[in-house]
Amino acid sequence: MDKVNEKVFELLKEIDDLCVKNNIRYYLSGNIALHIRNHKVLPSGAYYAKITMTKTNLFKFINLFENKKNEN
């Protein structure tokens, strides 16, 4: 995994932690989700990942993210 790929994966893990702790349901795009589930890493050359969630969950996520950002 190159440095960009590692950073994307690190960010996805942070997003997952925030969502799991706050009961926010989200979905990753099909190929990325399948590869991570099977191999526990992003596919080589994956420099982005699409995340989908409902509008309600999105606003909840944004508020939590902003609060966390202000704490740091």
N, C-alpha and C. Protein backbone atom coordinates (compact mmCIF):
# COMPACT_ATOMS: atom_id res chain seq x y z
N MET A 1 0.85 -1.17 0.00
CA MET A 1 0.00 0.00 0.00
C MET A 1 0.90 1.24 0.00
N ASP A 2 0.62 2.20 -0.89
CA ASP A 2 1.40 3.43 -0.89
C ASP A 2 0.85 4.41 0.14
N LYS A 3 1.52 5.56 0.30
CA LYS A 3 1.15 6.50 1.37
C LYS A 3 -0.26 7.06 1.20
N VAL A 4 -0.67 7.37 -0.02
CA VAL A 4 -2.02 7.91 -0.24
C VAL A 4 -3.05 6.84 0.12
N ASN A 5 -2.83 5.63 -0.35
CA ASN A 5 -3.72 4.51 -0.06
C ASN A 5 -3.82 4.26 1.44
N GLU A 6 -2.71 4.33 2.14
CA GLU A 6 -2.70 4.16 3.59
C GLU A 6 -3.51 5.25 4.29
N LYS A 7 -3.39 6.49 3.83
CA LYS A 7 -4.12 7.60 4.43
C LYS A 7 -5.62 7.45 4.21
N VAL A 8 -6.03 7.04 3.01
CA VAL A 8 -7.45 6.82 2.73
C VAL A 8 -7.99 5.74 3.67
N PHE A 9 -7.25 4.66 3.84
CA PHE A 9 -7.69 3.58 4.71
C PHE A 9 -7.77 4.05 6.16
N GLU A 10 -6.79 4.85 6.60
CA GLU A 10 -6.80 5.40 7.95
C GLU A 10 -8.04 6.28 8.17
N LEU A 11 -8.37 7.11 7.19
CA LEU A 11 -9.55 7.96 7.29
C LEU A 11 -10.84 7.14 7.33
N LEU A 12 -10.89 6.08 6.53
CA LEU A 12 -12.07 5.20 6.55
C LEU A 12 -12.25 4.55 7.92
N LYS A 13 -11.14 4.16 8.55
CA LYS A 13 -11.24 3.56 9.88
C LYS A 13 -11.75 4.59 10.90
N GLU A 14 -11.30 5.83 10.79
CA GLU A 14 -11.78 6.88 11.69
C GLU A 14 -13.27 7.13 11.48
N ILE A 15 -13.70 7.16 10.22
CA ILE A 15 -15.12 7.34 9.91
C ILE A 15 -15.92 6.18 10.48
N ASP A 16 -15.43 4.97 10.31
CA ASP A 16 -16.12 3.80 10.83
C ASP A 16 -16.24 3.87 12.36
N ASP A 17 -15.16 4.22 13.04
CA ASP A 17 -15.20 4.34 14.50
C ASP A 17 -16.26 5.33 14.94
N LEU A 18 -16.28 6.49 14.33
CA LEU A 18 -17.24 7.53 14.68
C LEU A 18 -18.68 7.04 14.44
N CYS A 19 -18.88 6.39 13.30
CA CYS A 19 -20.22 5.90 12.96
C CYS A 19 -20.68 4.78 13.88
N VAL A 20 -19.81 3.83 14.16
CA VAL A 20 -20.17 2.71 15.02
C VAL A 20 -20.50 3.20 16.43
N LYS A 21 -19.67 4.09 16.97
CA LYS A 21 -19.88 4.59 18.33
C LYS A 21 -21.16 5.41 18.45
N ASN A 22 -21.64 5.96 17.34
CA ASN A 22 -22.80 6.85 17.39
C ASN A 22 -24.00 6.31 16.62
N ASN A 23 -23.96 5.01 16.32
CA ASN A 23 -25.09 4.34 15.67
C ASN A 23 -25.51 5.02 14.37
N ILE A 24 -24.51 5.33 13.54
CA ILE A 24 -24.77 5.92 12.23
C ILE A 24 -24.51 4.85 11.18
N ARG A 25 -25.51 4.53 10.41
CA ARG A 25 -25.37 3.52 9.37
C ARG A 25 -24.86 4.19 8.09
N TYR A 26 -23.86 3.56 7.49
CA TYR A 26 -23.31 4.05 6.22
C TYR A 26 -22.95 2.86 5.35
N TYR A 27 -22.69 3.12 4.10
CA TYR A 27 -22.32 2.07 3.15
C TYR A 27 -21.13 2.54 2.32
N LEU A 28 -20.21 1.63 2.05
CA LEU A 28 -19.12 1.90 1.12
C LEU A 28 -19.53 1.42 -0.26
N SER A 29 -18.94 2.01 -1.29
CA SER A 29 -19.22 1.54 -2.65
C SER A 29 -18.86 0.07 -2.76
N GLY A 30 -19.56 -0.64 -3.62
CA GLY A 30 -19.48 -2.10 -3.72
C GLY A 30 -18.10 -2.72 -3.77
N ASN A 31 -17.27 -2.32 -4.72
CA ASN A 31 -15.96 -2.97 -4.89
C ASN A 31 -15.04 -2.70 -3.71
N ILE A 32 -15.06 -1.49 -3.21
CA ILE A 32 -14.21 -1.15 -2.07
C ILE A 32 -14.65 -1.95 -0.84
N ALA A 33 -15.95 -1.97 -0.58
CA ALA A 33 -16.47 -2.69 0.58
C ALA A 33 -16.12 -4.17 0.52
N LEU A 34 -16.30 -4.77 -0.63
CA LEU A 34 -16.02 -6.19 -0.80
C LEU A 34 -14.53 -6.48 -0.58
N HIS A 35 -13.68 -5.67 -1.14
CA HIS A 35 -12.23 -5.89 -1.00
C HIS A 35 -11.80 -5.72 0.46
N ILE A 36 -12.29 -4.68 1.13
CA ILE A 36 -11.93 -4.48 2.54
C ILE A 36 -12.43 -5.64 3.39
N ARG A 37 -13.65 -6.09 3.12
CA ARG A 37 -14.19 -7.22 3.90
C ARG A 37 -13.33 -8.47 3.71
N ASN A 38 -12.92 -8.74 2.49
CA ASN A 38 -12.17 -9.96 2.20
C ASN A 38 -10.69 -9.88 2.58
N HIS A 39 -10.08 -8.70 2.44
CA HIS A 39 -8.63 -8.59 2.60
C HIS A 39 -8.17 -7.66 3.72
N LYS A 40 -9.11 -6.91 4.32
CA LYS A 40 -8.81 -5.99 5.43
C LYS A 40 -7.91 -4.82 5.02
N VAL A 41 -7.78 -4.56 3.73
CA VAL A 41 -7.05 -3.41 3.20
C VAL A 41 -7.77 -2.89 1.97
N LEU A 42 -7.46 -1.66 1.60
CA LEU A 42 -8.00 -1.12 0.35
C LEU A 42 -7.33 -1.80 -0.82
N PRO A 43 -8.01 -1.90 -1.95
CA PRO A 43 -7.34 -2.43 -3.14
C PRO A 43 -6.21 -1.51 -3.55
N SER A 44 -5.19 -2.06 -4.12
CA SER A 44 -4.05 -1.27 -4.59
C SER A 44 -4.53 -0.18 -5.55
N GLY A 45 -4.06 1.03 -5.34
CA GLY A 45 -4.43 2.14 -6.23
C GLY A 45 -5.76 2.79 -5.89
N ALA A 46 -6.38 2.40 -4.79
CA ALA A 46 -7.66 3.02 -4.38
C ALA A 46 -7.34 4.30 -3.62
N TYR A 47 -7.56 5.42 -4.28
CA TYR A 47 -7.23 6.71 -3.69
C TYR A 47 -8.47 7.45 -3.19
N TYR A 48 -9.61 6.81 -3.25
CA TYR A 48 -10.84 7.39 -2.72
C TYR A 48 -11.81 6.25 -2.46
N ALA A 49 -12.82 6.54 -1.66
CA ALA A 49 -13.89 5.57 -1.40
C ALA A 49 -15.18 6.35 -1.28
N LYS A 50 -16.22 5.87 -1.91
CA LYS A 50 -17.52 6.52 -1.83
C LYS A 50 -18.27 5.99 -0.61
N ILE A 51 -18.77 6.93 0.19
CA ILE A 51 -19.54 6.59 1.38
C ILE A 51 -20.94 7.14 1.19
N THR A 52 -21.93 6.31 1.47
CA THR A 52 -23.33 6.72 1.32
C THR A 52 -24.03 6.56 2.66
N MET A 53 -24.86 7.55 3.00
CA MET A 53 -25.69 7.46 4.20
C MET A 53 -26.93 8.30 3.98
N THR A 54 -27.93 8.08 4.81
CA THR A 54 -29.16 8.86 4.70
C THR A 54 -28.88 10.31 5.09
N LYS A 55 -29.78 11.19 4.70
CA LYS A 55 -29.64 12.61 5.01
C LYS A 55 -29.58 12.83 6.52
N THR A 56 -30.43 12.15 7.26
CA THR A 56 -30.45 12.27 8.72
C THR A 56 -29.11 11.86 9.31
N ASN A 57 -28.59 10.71 8.87
CA ASN A 57 -27.30 10.24 9.36
C ASN A 57 -26.16 11.15 8.92
N LEU A 58 -26.27 11.71 7.74
CA LEU A 58 -25.24 12.62 7.25
C LEU A 58 -25.13 13.85 8.16
N PHE A 59 -26.27 14.45 8.49
CA PHE A 59 -26.23 15.62 9.36
C PHE A 59 -25.73 15.26 10.76
N LYS A 60 -26.11 14.10 11.25
CA LYS A 60 -25.62 13.64 12.54
C LYS A 60 -24.09 13.46 12.48
N PHE A 61 -23.61 12.85 11.40
CA PHE A 61 -22.17 12.65 11.21
C PHE A 61 -21.43 13.99 11.14
N ILE A 62 -21.96 14.92 10.39
CA ILE A 62 -21.32 16.24 10.25
C ILE A 62 -21.20 16.92 11.61
N ASN A 63 -22.27 16.90 12.40
CA ASN A 63 -22.23 17.51 13.72
C ASN A 63 -21.20 16.84 14.62
N LEU A 64 -21.16 15.51 14.62
CA LEU A 64 -20.19 14.79 15.43
C LEU A 64 -18.77 15.08 14.98
N PHE A 65 -18.57 15.12 13.66
CA PHE A 65 -17.24 15.40 13.12
C PHE A 65 -16.78 16.80 13.50
N GLU A 66 -17.66 17.77 13.38
CA GLU A 66 -17.32 19.15 13.75
C GLU A 66 -16.97 19.25 15.23
N ASN A 67 -17.75 18.59 16.08
CA ASN A 67 -17.45 18.59 17.51
C ASN A 67 -16.12 17.95 17.81
N LYS A 68 -15.83 16.83 17.16
CA LYS A 68 -14.55 16.14 17.36
C LYS A 68 -13.40 17.00 16.87
N LYS A 69 -13.59 17.65 15.74
CA LYS A 69 -12.55 18.51 15.17
C LYS A 69 -12.25 19.67 16.13
N ASN A 70 -13.28 20.24 16.73
CA ASN A 70 -13.09 21.35 17.67
C ASN A 70 -12.40 20.91 18.96
N GLU A 71 -12.60 19.65 19.36
CA GLU A 71 -11.93 19.11 20.54
C GLU A 71 -10.44 18.97 20.33
N ASN A 72 -10.06 18.67 19.09
CA ASN A 72 -8.63 18.46 18.78
C ASN A 72 -8.03 19.77 18.37
